Amino acid sequence: MALKVFDLQCEAHHIFEGWFSSHEDYDSQQERGLLTCPICGNNKISKMLSAPHLNVSHLKKQKQPQPISPVPVAEAMASLNDKELAKIQAAVMQQLRAYVKQTEDMGDQFTSEARRIHYGEAEERAIRGNATPAQRQALQEEGIEVLPIPDFLDENQLQ
């Protein structure tokens, strides 16, 4: 099945790609409110103008690969335009959300389970949950590394 790839933009001007089976699939998902920005979770999404992809590789002569010279990251990032940066940002956000999704949500039991894992009383695994700043500080003082997760990275918080 061929997929349609559309450039989409949320109300906050984040640009990202959406993959759909057809124009009708996009319209249907849009009408049902299923489209959200992977960066901020905004559901006011619009389709941007984009050039069609044409497979014309058979028309081009084969080119020899050019050697790639290393470019410092900061220099490479400075050369990107806003659209390219937004695509990178969207990809990073999707990856971070995937990592968060793979953790076990402990809710209010987070601090006690983090201690149990740290002291070998429970299976070692990635967990997330609720902790006050004071609880996070106490965990860190015990040598238990914790990192607050912004709500926009937790899909459960966006629903």
Protein backbone atom coordinates (compact mmCIF):
# COMPACT_ATOMS: atom_id res chain seq x y z
CA MET A 1 0.00 0.00 0.00
CA ALA A 2 1.37 3.44 -0.91
CA LEU A 3 1.34 5.99 1.88
CA LYS A 4 0.69 9.69 1.55
CA VAL A 5 3.16 11.83 3.48
CA PHE A 6 1.90 15.31 4.35
CA ASP A 7 3.72 18.19 5.95
CA LEU A 8 1.56 19.24 8.89
CA GLN A 9 1.71 22.24 11.20
CA CYS A 10 0.10 22.82 14.57
CA GLU A 11 -1.33 26.08 15.86
CA ALA A 12 2.01 26.72 17.65
CA HIS A 13 3.79 26.53 14.24
CA HIS A 14 5.57 23.20 14.88
CA ILE A 15 6.07 21.42 11.56
CA PHE A 16 6.01 17.63 11.33
CA GLU A 17 5.15 14.83 8.92
CA GLY A 18 2.00 12.75 8.93
CA TRP A 19 1.69 9.44 7.07
CA PHE A 20 -1.75 8.44 5.82
CA SER A 21 -3.21 5.76 3.57
CA SER A 22 -5.07 8.41 1.54
CA HIS A 23 -6.29 12.01 1.51
CA GLU A 24 -9.57 10.68 2.87
CA ASP A 25 -7.73 9.01 5.77
CA TYR A 26 -6.17 12.36 6.67
CA ASP A 27 -9.56 14.12 6.43
CA SER A 28 -11.22 11.45 8.55
CA GLN A 29 -8.57 11.61 11.29
CA GLN A 30 -8.72 15.41 11.23
CA GLU A 31 -12.53 15.41 11.60
CA ARG A 32 -12.36 12.95 14.51
CA GLY A 33 -9.71 15.04 16.31
CA LEU A 34 -7.11 12.26 16.17
CA LEU A 35 -4.25 14.42 14.88
CA THR A 36 -1.95 15.98 17.47
CA CYS A 37 1.41 17.70 17.33
CA PRO A 38 4.21 15.36 18.47
CA ILE A 39 6.03 18.33 19.97
CA CYS A 40 3.37 20.08 22.06
CA GLY A 41 0.28 17.88 21.82
CA ASN A 42 -1.80 20.62 20.17
CA ASN A 43 -4.71 19.20 18.17
CA LYS A 44 -5.31 22.17 15.86
CA ILE A 45 -3.46 20.77 12.85
CA SER A 46 -3.36 22.03 9.28
CA LYS A 47 -1.89 20.53 6.14
CA MET A 48 0.87 22.60 4.56
CA LEU A 49 1.58 22.91 0.87
CA SER A 50 4.19 20.42 -0.20
CA ALA A 51 5.68 19.31 -3.48
CA PRO A 52 4.67 15.88 -4.73
CA HIS A 53 7.28 13.14 -4.64
CA LEU A 54 8.02 11.89 -8.12
CA ASN A 55 10.13 8.82 -8.72
CA VAL A 56 12.44 10.03 -11.48
CA SER A 57 15.56 8.16 -10.44
CA HIS A 58 15.55 6.33 -13.75
CA LEU A 59 15.97 9.69 -15.52
CA LYS A 60 19.12 10.66 -13.64
CA LYS A 61 22.55 9.42 -14.48
CA GLN A 62 24.16 7.49 -11.67
CA LYS A 63 26.41 9.76 -9.70
CA GLN A 64 29.51 8.66 -7.88
CA PRO A 65 29.18 9.11 -4.11
CA GLN A 66 31.01 12.13 -2.84
CA PRO A 67 33.20 11.80 0.25
CA ILE A 68 31.59 13.30 3.33
CA SER A 69 33.72 15.59 5.43
CA PRO A 70 32.92 15.79 9.13
CA VAL A 71 31.13 18.98 10.19
CA PRO A 72 30.90 20.13 13.80
CA VAL A 73 27.36 19.68 15.16
CA ALA A 74 26.88 23.36 16.02
CA GLU A 75 27.93 24.37 12.51
CA ALA A 76 25.64 21.77 10.96
CA MET A 77 22.68 22.89 13.10
CA ALA A 78 23.27 26.54 12.21
CA SER A 79 22.99 25.69 8.53
CA LEU A 80 19.51 24.14 8.88
CA ASN A 81 16.37 26.07 8.07
CA ASP A 82 13.34 26.28 10.39
CA LYS A 83 11.54 23.43 8.64
CA GLU A 84 14.53 21.10 8.94
CA LEU A 85 14.99 22.01 12.61
CA ALA A 86 11.30 21.41 13.29
CA LYS A 87 11.55 17.94 11.70
CA ILE A 88 14.54 17.10 13.88
CA GLN A 89 12.71 18.43 16.94
CA ALA A 90 9.63 16.35 16.12
CA ALA A 91 11.74 13.20 15.68
CA VAL A 92 13.49 13.78 19.01
CA MET A 93 10.15 14.36 20.75
CA GLN A 94 8.72 11.15 19.26
CA GLN A 95 11.76 9.20 20.48
CA LEU A 96 11.54 10.70 23.98
CA ARG A 97 7.82 9.86 24.16
CA ALA A 98 8.63 6.29 23.08
CA TYR A 99 11.16 6.00 25.92
CA VAL A 100 8.63 7.32 28.45
CA LYS A 101 5.98 4.94 27.12
CA GLN A 102 8.33 1.99 27.79
CA THR A 103 8.54 2.82 31.51
CA GLU A 104 6.19 1.43 34.14
CA ASP A 105 3.89 4.05 35.70
CA MET A 106 4.03 3.68 39.49
CA GLY A 107 1.84 6.70 40.26
CA ASP A 108 2.12 7.77 43.90
CA GLN A 109 4.16 4.64 44.71
CA PHE A 110 7.09 5.95 42.66
CA THR A 111 9.41 6.93 45.54
CA SER A 112 8.92 3.70 47.49
CA GLU A 113 9.40 1.56 44.37
CA ALA A 114 12.50 3.56 43.35
CA ARG A 115 13.98 2.80 46.78
CA ARG A 116 13.05 -0.91 46.51
CA ILE A 117 14.77 -1.12 43.12
CA HIS A 118 17.83 0.79 44.35
CA TYR A 119 18.29 -1.47 47.38
CA GLY A 120 17.77 -4.68 45.37
CA GLU A 121 14.37 -5.49 46.88
CA ALA A 122 12.55 -5.27 43.53
CA GLU A 123 13.33 -6.08 39.92
CA GLU A 124 15.44 -3.41 38.22
CA ARG A 125 13.41 -1.67 35.53
CA ALA A 126 12.57 1.79 34.21
CA ILE A 127 9.76 3.41 36.17
CA ARG A 128 7.99 6.75 36.34
CA GLY A 129 5.47 8.26 38.69
CA ASN A 130 4.64 11.11 41.03
CA ALA A 131 7.13 12.68 43.43
CA THR A 132 7.26 16.04 45.13
CA PRO A 133 10.43 18.14 44.89
CA ALA A 134 11.24 17.14 48.49
CA GLN A 135 10.83 13.44 47.66
CA ARG A 136 13.07 13.81 44.58
CA GLN A 137 15.70 15.56 46.70
CA ALA A 138 15.58 12.77 49.31
CA LEU A 139 15.99 10.12 46.62
CA GLN A 140 18.97 11.96 45.14
CA GLU A 141 20.58 12.24 48.58
CA GLU A 142 20.31 8.43 48.86
CA GLY A 143 22.11 8.11 45.51
CA ILE A 144 18.97 7.30 43.56
CA GLU A 145 18.99 9.19 40.28
CA VAL A 146 15.66 10.70 39.28
CA LEU A 147 14.65 12.99 36.47
CA PRO A 148 11.38 14.94 36.29
CA ILE A 149 9.46 14.16 33.11
CA PRO A 150 7.55 17.10 31.61
CA ASP A 151 3.85 16.35 31.06
CA PHE A 152 4.18 16.85 27.30
CA LEU A 153 6.41 13.77 27.09
CA ASP A 154 3.88 11.53 28.84
CA GLU A 155 1.09 10.62 26.41
CA ASN A 156 -1.16 9.71 29.36
CA GLN A 157 -0.97 13.33 30.51
CA LEU A 158 -2.02 14.62 27.07
CA GLN A 159 -5.31 12.71 26.92
